[in-house]
Amino acid sequence: MPLNVRVEDGRSLTKTLVLEGRLDSESVGALDEALDAVLASAVQVVVFDLTKLEYITSAGLRSIFRAQKAMHARAGKSLLLNPTPQVKKVLEIVRIPELGTLFKDLEELDAYLDAMQKKAADGE
């Protein structure tokens, strides 16, 4: 199955990239194209929804790391949501969970984003 990438607007200054299928060297161009458009905007939070991502290679990881680096440079966040078991295993191997960016479901992500916005509103 090829990669399907859909960009969704969510909260203010947040974009979600919904990935479905296989993310490998043949399909990474679709992600990079969508990611370039997202990163060209004023976005402060990029969410990768991995609920339907079946497979990921180092090519896909490079794109995710590129987004993390770009968001870090603008004091933003790059977050991963609900990876499938096989994708989660790859993320654990490359130590993504240690970066604090992996969320098991939408409720956990929303709670984190709410807390982050409250901190910003309180001037912290």
C-alpha atoms as a PDB file:
ATOM      1  CA  MET A   1       0.000   0.000   0.000  1.00  0.00           C
ATOM      2  CA  PRO A   2       1.443   3.408  -0.907  1.00  0.00           C
ATOM      3  CA  LEU A   3       1.563   6.233   1.600  1.00  0.00           C
ATOM      4  CA  ASN A   4      -1.429   8.530   1.946  1.00  0.00           C
ATOM      5  CA  VAL A   5      -0.713  11.833   3.719  1.00  0.00           C
ATOM      6  CA  ARG A   6      -3.518  14.097   4.854  1.00  0.00           C
ATOM      7  CA  VAL A   7      -2.945  17.428   6.612  1.00  0.00           C
ATOM      8  CA  GLU A   8      -5.570  18.471   9.131  1.00  0.00           C
ATOM      9  CA  ASP A   9      -5.949  21.769  10.923  1.00  0.00           C
ATOM     10  CA  GLY A  10      -6.659  21.402  14.591  1.00  0.00           C
ATOM     11  CA  ARG A  11      -5.986  23.831  17.327  1.00  0.00           C
ATOM     12  CA  SER A  12      -4.539  27.234  16.583  1.00  0.00           C
ATOM     13  CA  LEU A  13      -1.007  26.952  15.131  1.00  0.00           C
ATOM     14  CA  THR A  14      -1.263  23.137  15.103  1.00  0.00           C
ATOM     15  CA  LYS A  15      -1.224  20.884  12.047  1.00  0.00           C
ATOM     16  CA  THR A  16      -1.705  17.122  12.057  1.00  0.00           C
ATOM     17  CA  LEU A  17      -0.167  14.934   9.376  1.00  0.00           C
ATOM     18  CA  VAL A  18      -2.235  11.751   9.158  1.00  0.00           C
ATOM     19  CA  LEU A  19      -0.104   8.962   7.671  1.00  0.00           C
ATOM     20  CA  GLU A  20      -1.691   5.843   6.199  1.00  0.00           C
ATOM     21  CA  GLY A  21       0.157   2.973   4.547  1.00  0.00           C
ATOM     22  CA  ARG A  22       3.914   2.425   4.236  1.00  0.00           C
ATOM     23  CA  LEU A  23       6.527   5.121   4.819  1.00  0.00           C
ATOM     24  CA  ASP A  24       9.683   4.076   3.003  1.00  0.00           C
ATOM     25  CA  SER A  25      12.191   5.405   0.464  1.00  0.00           C
ATOM     26  CA  GLU A  26       9.629   5.118  -2.346  1.00  0.00           C
ATOM     27  CA  SER A  27       6.859   6.992  -0.522  1.00  0.00           C
ATOM     28  CA  VAL A  28       8.755   9.494   1.641  1.00  0.00           C
ATOM     29  CA  GLY A  29       8.434  12.159  -1.063  1.00  0.00           C
ATOM     30  CA  ALA A  30       4.703  12.453  -0.346  1.00  0.00           C
ATOM     31  CA  LEU A  31       5.419  13.104   3.328  1.00  0.00           C
ATOM     32  CA  ASP A  32       8.231  15.544   2.576  1.00  0.00           C
ATOM     33  CA  GLU A  33       6.014  17.545   0.217  1.00  0.00           C
ATOM     34  CA  ALA A  34       3.258  17.868   2.821  1.00  0.00           C
ATOM     35  CA  LEU A  35       5.781  18.536   5.572  1.00  0.00           C
ATOM     36  CA  ASP A  36       7.461  21.320   3.578  1.00  0.00           C
ATOM     37  CA  ALA A  37       4.104  23.090   3.222  1.00  0.00           C
ATOM     38  CA  VAL A  38       3.351  22.676   6.929  1.00  0.00           C
ATOM     39  CA  LEU A  39       6.781  23.919   8.015  1.00  0.00           C
ATOM     40  CA  ALA A  40       6.475  26.938   5.697  1.00  0.00           C
ATOM     41  CA  SER A  41       3.484  28.085   7.756  1.00  0.00           C
ATOM     42  CA  ALA A  42       3.489  29.687  11.210  1.00  0.00           C
ATOM     43  CA  VAL A  43       2.736  26.325  12.837  1.00  0.00           C
ATOM     44  CA  GLN A  44       4.040  25.780  16.378  1.00  0.00           C
ATOM     45  CA  VAL A  45       2.941  22.155  16.866  1.00  0.00           C
ATOM     46  CA  VAL A  46       3.224  19.391  14.266  1.00  0.00           C
ATOM     47  CA  VAL A  47       1.441  16.147  15.118  1.00  0.00           C
ATOM     48  CA  PHE A  48       2.164  12.942  13.222  1.00  0.00           C
ATOM     49  CA  ASP A  49      -0.910  10.694  13.518  1.00  0.00           C
ATOM     50  CA  LEU A  50       0.509   7.173  13.083  1.00  0.00           C
ATOM     51  CA  THR A  51      -2.713   5.257  13.753  1.00  0.00           C
ATOM     52  CA  LYS A  52      -2.789   3.763  10.243  1.00  0.00           C
ATOM     53  CA  LEU A  53       0.933   3.725   9.463  1.00  0.00           C
ATOM     54  CA  GLU A  54       1.813   0.104   8.733  1.00  0.00           C
ATOM     55  CA  TYR A  55       5.558   0.367   8.183  1.00  0.00           C
ATOM     56  CA  ILE A  56       8.400   2.869   8.528  1.00  0.00           C
ATOM     57  CA  THR A  57      12.028   2.890   7.379  1.00  0.00           C
ATOM     58  CA  SER A  58      14.975   5.175   8.053  1.00  0.00           C
ATOM     59  CA  ALA A  59      13.786   7.429   5.209  1.00  0.00           C
ATOM     60  CA  GLY A  60      10.575   8.126   7.124  1.00  0.00           C
ATOM     61  CA  LEU A  61      12.449   8.587  10.381  1.00  0.00           C
ATOM     62  CA  ARG A  62      14.660  11.212   8.729  1.00  0.00           C
ATOM     63  CA  SER A  63      11.587  13.226   7.777  1.00  0.00           C
ATOM     64  CA  ILE A  64      10.205  13.022  11.307  1.00  0.00           C
ATOM     65  CA  PHE A  65      13.573  14.063  12.749  1.00  0.00           C
ATOM     66  CA  ARG A  66      13.711  16.943  10.246  1.00  0.00           C
ATOM     67  CA  ALA A  67      10.340  18.151  11.518  1.00  0.00           C
ATOM     68  CA  GLN A  68      11.529  17.841  15.127  1.00  0.00           C
ATOM     69  CA  LYS A  69      14.645  19.878  14.337  1.00  0.00           C
ATOM     70  CA  ALA A  70      12.654  22.569  12.502  1.00  0.00           C
ATOM     71  CA  MET A  71      10.114  22.839  15.306  1.00  0.00           C
ATOM     72  CA  HIS A  72      12.821  22.958  17.971  1.00  0.00           C
ATOM     73  CA  ALA A  73      14.460  25.868  16.102  1.00  0.00           C
ATOM     74  CA  ARG A  74      11.243  27.876  16.410  1.00  0.00           C
ATOM     75  CA  ALA A  75      10.544  26.766  19.999  1.00  0.00           C
ATOM     76  CA  GLY A  76       7.694  24.570  18.782  1.00  0.00           C
ATOM     77  CA  LYS A  77       6.919  20.884  19.180  1.00  0.00           C
ATOM     78  CA  SER A  78       6.759  17.826  16.968  1.00  0.00           C
ATOM     79  CA  LEU A  79       4.594  15.073  18.449  1.00  0.00           C
ATOM     80  CA  LEU A  80       3.784  11.463  17.542  1.00  0.00           C
ATOM     81  CA  LEU A  81       0.314  10.042  18.092  1.00  0.00           C
ATOM     82  CA  ASN A  82      -0.825   6.446  18.476  1.00  0.00           C
ATOM     83  CA  PRO A  83       1.746   4.406  16.534  1.00  0.00           C
ATOM     84  CA  THR A  84       0.867   0.873  15.487  1.00  0.00           C
ATOM     85  CA  PRO A  85       2.769  -1.822  17.433  1.00  0.00           C
ATOM     86  CA  GLN A  86       5.299  -2.422  14.641  1.00  0.00           C
ATOM     87  CA  VAL A  87       5.965   1.305  14.149  1.00  0.00           C
ATOM     88  CA  LYS A  88       6.163   1.817  17.915  1.00  0.00           C
ATOM     89  CA  LYS A  89       8.873  -0.858  18.066  1.00  0.00           C
ATOM     90  CA  VAL A  90      10.953   1.021  15.474  1.00  0.00           C
ATOM     91  CA  LEU A  91      10.450   4.294  17.382  1.00  0.00           C
ATOM     92  CA  GLU A  92      11.578   2.596  20.602  1.00  0.00           C
ATOM     93  CA  ILE A  93      14.694   1.254  18.872  1.00  0.00           C
ATOM     94  CA  VAL A  94      15.682   4.788  17.821  1.00  0.00           C
ATOM     95  CA  ARG A  95      14.689   6.071  21.277  1.00  0.00           C
ATOM     96  CA  ILE A  96      11.890   8.422  20.234  1.00  0.00           C
ATOM     97  CA  PRO A  97       9.920   7.867  23.500  1.00  0.00           C
ATOM     98  CA  GLU A  98      12.834   9.330  25.466  1.00  0.00           C
ATOM     99  CA  LEU A  99      12.177  12.633  23.701  1.00  0.00           C
ATOM    100  CA  GLY A 100       8.746  12.820  25.331  1.00  0.00           C
ATOM    101  CA  THR A 101       6.901  13.134  22.032  1.00  0.00           C
ATOM    102  CA  LEU A 102       4.965   9.862  21.873  1.00  0.00           C
ATOM    103  CA  PHE A 103       1.274   9.810  22.828  1.00  0.00           C
ATOM    104  CA  LYS A 104      -0.884   6.688  23.040  1.00  0.00           C
ATOM    105  CA  ASP A 105      -4.148   8.370  22.042  1.00  0.00           C
ATOM    106  CA  LEU A 106      -5.855  11.638  21.188  1.00  0.00           C
ATOM    107  CA  GLU A 107      -7.003  12.263  24.774  1.00  0.00           C
ATOM    108  CA  GLU A 108      -3.447  12.095  26.093  1.00  0.00           C
ATOM    109  CA  LEU A 109      -2.282  14.438  23.332  1.00  0.00           C
ATOM    110  CA  ASP A 110      -5.122  16.894  24.022  1.00  0.00           C
ATOM    111  CA  ALA A 111      -4.312  16.958  27.745  1.00  0.00           C
ATOM    112  CA  TYR A 112      -0.674  17.718  26.921  1.00  0.00           C
ATOM    113  CA  LEU A 113      -1.601  20.485  24.460  1.00  0.00           C
ATOM    114  CA  ASP A 114      -4.054  21.996  26.962  1.00  0.00           C
ATOM    115  CA  ALA A 115      -1.355  22.081  29.646  1.00  0.00           C
ATOM    116  CA  MET A 116       1.134  23.601  27.202  1.00  0.00           C
ATOM    117  CA  GLN A 117      -1.303  26.366  26.222  1.00  0.00           C
ATOM    118  CA  LYS A 118      -2.184  27.070  29.855  1.00  0.00           C
ATOM    119  CA  LYS A 119       1.525  27.487  30.621  1.00  0.00           C
ATOM    120  CA  ALA A 120       1.897  29.934  27.740  1.00  0.00           C
ATOM    121  CA  ALA A 121      -1.170  31.893  28.834  1.00  0.00           C
ATOM    122  CA  ASP A 122       0.178  32.098  32.400  1.00  0.00           C
ATOM    123  CA  GLY A 123       3.452  33.501  31.065  1.00  0.00           C
ATOM    124  CA  GLU A 124       5.621  30.525  32.014  1.00  0.00           C
END
